[in-house]
Protein backbone atom coordinates (compact mmCIF):
# COMPACT_ATOMS: atom_id res chain seq x y z
CA MET A 1 123.33 106.92 172.57
CA SER A 2 125.17 103.76 171.64
CA ALA A 3 125.77 102.92 167.49
CA ARG A 4 123.66 100.04 165.60
CA GLU A 5 124.13 97.78 163.15
CA PRO A 6 122.08 97.84 159.64
CA ASN A 7 119.79 94.65 161.22
CA GLY A 8 119.06 97.00 164.23
CA ARG A 9 121.31 95.24 166.87
CA ARG A 10 123.58 97.11 168.95
CA ALA A 11 127.36 97.10 167.31
CA VAL A 12 130.04 96.29 169.77
CA ALA A 13 132.61 98.55 170.80
CA GLY A 14 135.88 98.03 168.45
CA ALA A 15 134.30 95.28 165.95
CA PRO A 16 133.49 96.21 162.49
CA VAL A 17 129.62 97.33 161.49
CA ARG A 18 128.30 94.83 158.57
CA ALA A 19 126.76 96.42 155.34
CA ALA A 20 123.52 95.96 154.86
CA GLY A 21 122.74 93.80 151.42
CA PRO A 22 120.03 94.52 149.33
CA THR A 23 116.04 93.72 150.29
CA ALA A 24 115.99 90.74 148.60
CA SER A 25 112.23 91.12 146.95
CA PRO A 26 110.59 94.40 148.62
CA TRP A 27 107.37 93.79 146.66
CA LEU A 28 105.28 91.15 148.91
CA SER A 29 107.00 93.85 152.39
CA ILE A 30 105.27 96.89 150.57
CA LEU A 31 102.32 95.20 149.75
CA ALA A 32 101.69 93.68 153.25
CA LYS A 33 102.44 97.26 154.63
CA ALA A 34 100.36 99.36 152.05
CA ALA A 35 97.39 97.11 153.05
CA ALA A 36 97.61 97.17 156.39
CA ALA A 37 97.45 100.81 156.28
CA ALA A 38 94.67 101.13 153.87
CA GLY A 39 92.61 98.28 155.64
CA ALA A 40 92.60 100.26 158.67
CA ALA A 41 91.88 103.46 156.89
CA THR A 42 89.10 101.57 155.48
CA LEU A 43 87.67 100.12 158.80
CA LEU A 44 87.90 104.13 160.09
CA VAL A 45 85.57 105.18 156.84
CA MET A 46 83.50 102.55 157.15
CA LEU A 47 82.58 102.67 160.91
CA LEU A 48 81.81 106.75 160.24
CA GLY A 49 79.62 105.53 157.62
CA ALA A 50 77.27 103.29 159.22
CA VAL A 51 77.27 106.10 161.88
CA VAL A 52 76.12 108.67 159.35
CA ALA A 53 74.16 106.81 156.85
CA GLY A 54 73.83 103.31 157.66
CA GLY A 55 74.91 99.90 156.73
CA ASN A 56 74.74 100.78 153.00
CA ALA A 57 77.09 103.25 153.08
CA ALA A 58 79.69 101.23 154.83
CA LEU A 59 79.30 98.51 152.86
CA GLY A 60 79.52 101.11 149.54
CA ALA A 61 82.87 102.70 151.51
CA LEU A 62 84.43 98.43 152.04
CA LEU A 63 83.27 97.97 148.42
CA GLY A 64 85.15 101.01 146.90
CA ALA A 65 88.36 100.61 149.45
CA ALA A 66 88.67 97.04 148.43
CA LEU A 67 88.26 97.90 144.93
CA VAL A 68 91.46 100.12 145.03
CA VAL A 69 93.25 97.66 147.06
CA VAL A 70 92.57 94.50 144.72
CA PHE A 71 93.82 96.89 141.78
CA PHE A 72 97.03 98.23 143.69
CA ALA A 73 98.03 94.60 144.77
CA ILE A 74 97.80 93.31 141.64
CA SER A 75 100.65 95.22 140.30
CA LEU A 76 102.70 94.79 143.70
CA LEU A 77 102.12 90.98 142.97
CA VAL A 78 103.26 91.24 139.56
CA GLY A 79 105.99 93.36 140.74
CA HIS A 80 107.52 90.44 143.41
CA PHE A 81 107.23 87.49 140.79
CA VAL A 82 108.24 89.29 137.55
CA GLY A 83 110.98 90.90 139.92
CA ARG A 84 112.42 87.75 141.58
CA ASN A 85 114.31 86.27 137.78
CA ASN A 86 113.99 89.64 135.97
CA PRO A 87 114.24 92.62 137.98
CA SER A 88 114.96 95.38 135.31
CA GLY A 89 111.63 93.97 133.60
CA ALA A 90 109.15 94.62 136.39
CA ILE A 91 109.09 97.62 135.33
CA GLY A 92 107.85 96.83 131.75
CA ALA A 93 105.38 94.17 133.65
CA PHE A 94 104.00 97.06 136.28
CA ILE A 95 103.21 99.12 132.84
CA ALA A 96 102.02 96.23 130.67
CA THR A 97 99.62 94.86 134.33
CA TYR A 98 98.45 98.89 134.44
CA VAL A 99 96.87 98.71 130.85
CA LEU A 100 95.19 95.78 131.46
CA LYS A 101 94.17 96.72 134.77
CA VAL A 102 92.80 99.67 133.67
CA VAL A 103 90.87 98.43 131.01
CA GLY A 104 89.34 95.17 133.30
CA PHE A 105 88.33 97.15 135.99
CA GLY A 106 86.73 99.65 133.46
CA ALA A 107 84.83 96.86 131.42
CA ALA A 108 83.80 95.18 135.13
CA LEU A 109 82.33 98.30 136.28
CA PHE A 110 80.83 99.22 133.04
CA VAL A 111 79.15 95.81 132.83
CA ALA A 112 78.54 95.40 136.11
CA GLY A 113 76.63 98.41 136.61
CA ARG A 114 75.66 99.87 140.18
CA PRO A 115 73.81 98.44 142.45
CA ASP A 116 70.93 99.73 143.79
CA TRP A 117 72.04 99.38 147.38
CA LEU A 118 75.44 101.10 146.59
CA ASP A 119 75.88 104.54 148.68
CA THR A 120 78.33 105.98 145.46
CA THR A 121 79.17 108.82 147.95
CA TRP A 122 80.60 106.12 150.66
CA PHE A 123 81.73 104.27 147.94
CA PHE A 124 83.73 107.12 146.76
CA ILE A 125 84.59 108.14 150.07
CA ALA A 126 86.41 105.16 150.81
CA ALA A 127 88.37 104.94 146.97
CA VAL A 128 89.67 108.31 147.58
CA VAL A 129 91.00 107.28 151.24
CA ALA A 130 92.21 104.02 150.55
CA VAL A 131 93.97 105.52 147.47
CA VAL A 132 95.78 108.32 149.53
CA VAL A 133 96.31 105.78 152.61
CA TRP A 134 97.92 103.15 150.15
CA GLN A 135 100.22 105.51 148.12
CA GLY A 136 101.45 106.99 151.13
CA ALA A 137 102.09 103.63 153.07
CA GLU A 138 103.65 102.34 149.60
CA VAL A 139 105.71 105.02 149.14
CA PHE A 140 106.86 105.25 152.83
CA ALA A 141 107.83 101.41 152.33
CA PHE A 142 109.66 101.78 149.49
CA SER A 143 111.89 104.67 150.86
CA ARG A 144 113.03 102.01 153.44
CA VAL A 145 114.29 99.73 150.25
CA ARG A 146 117.85 98.88 150.21
CA TYR A 147 118.64 98.63 146.63
CA GLN A 148 122.92 96.89 145.83
CA ILE A 149 123.61 99.37 143.23
CA TYR A 150 127.26 97.69 142.53
CA ALA A 151 128.91 94.24 143.82
CA ASP A 152 131.52 94.30 145.50
CA SER A 153 134.66 91.51 144.44
CA PRO A 154 135.71 89.69 148.26
CA ALA A 155 139.08 90.51 149.55
CA GLY A 156 141.14 87.54 147.62
CA ALA A 157 138.78 87.10 144.78
CA PRO A 158 140.30 86.84 140.87
CA GLY A 159 140.77 89.89 139.69
CA THR A 160 141.29 92.09 142.81
CA ALA A 161 145.33 91.03 143.89
CA GLY A 162 146.93 94.01 144.59
CA LYS A 163 144.56 96.42 144.10
CA ASP A 164 144.96 97.98 147.70
CA GLU A 165 148.61 97.38 147.80
CA ARG A 166 148.95 99.62 144.39
CA HIS A 167 147.12 102.57 145.72
CA ALA A 168 149.03 102.31 148.88
CA GLY A 169 150.97 105.34 149.87
């Protein structure tokens, strides 16, 4: 088995292995992975709904999953745009966005009402499946993000001269 560098390339024997840097802005990558997983799960639920209960079930499943995907995608997009300029402010933006989304989606569902064609059973099934799959994919993708906890000064940078020599035996 050969050693691998953090970027996936095979390490050359005797050559130093470079440390990987932090992920620049992880939110769009997490969004893409979670959306792809939820989209695949939605297609399966839609197919199952169409076979079991007909076309309205498939449409209801699509609408239920689409609402979930839009709801979660808004947060990751806010994280992306806020996090680029203020990484520590992203959490506050998530909280504010969450409150606005809950109120907004609740108001939209209340005002729009339930269309007659909507199969609420398949709407609910697809929404639950989309939430579970989205959250699983999001946690998995987030667990692969690299954060730089501290910044090492490059060798010879001001303030680092002599540190190695002082501590060497």
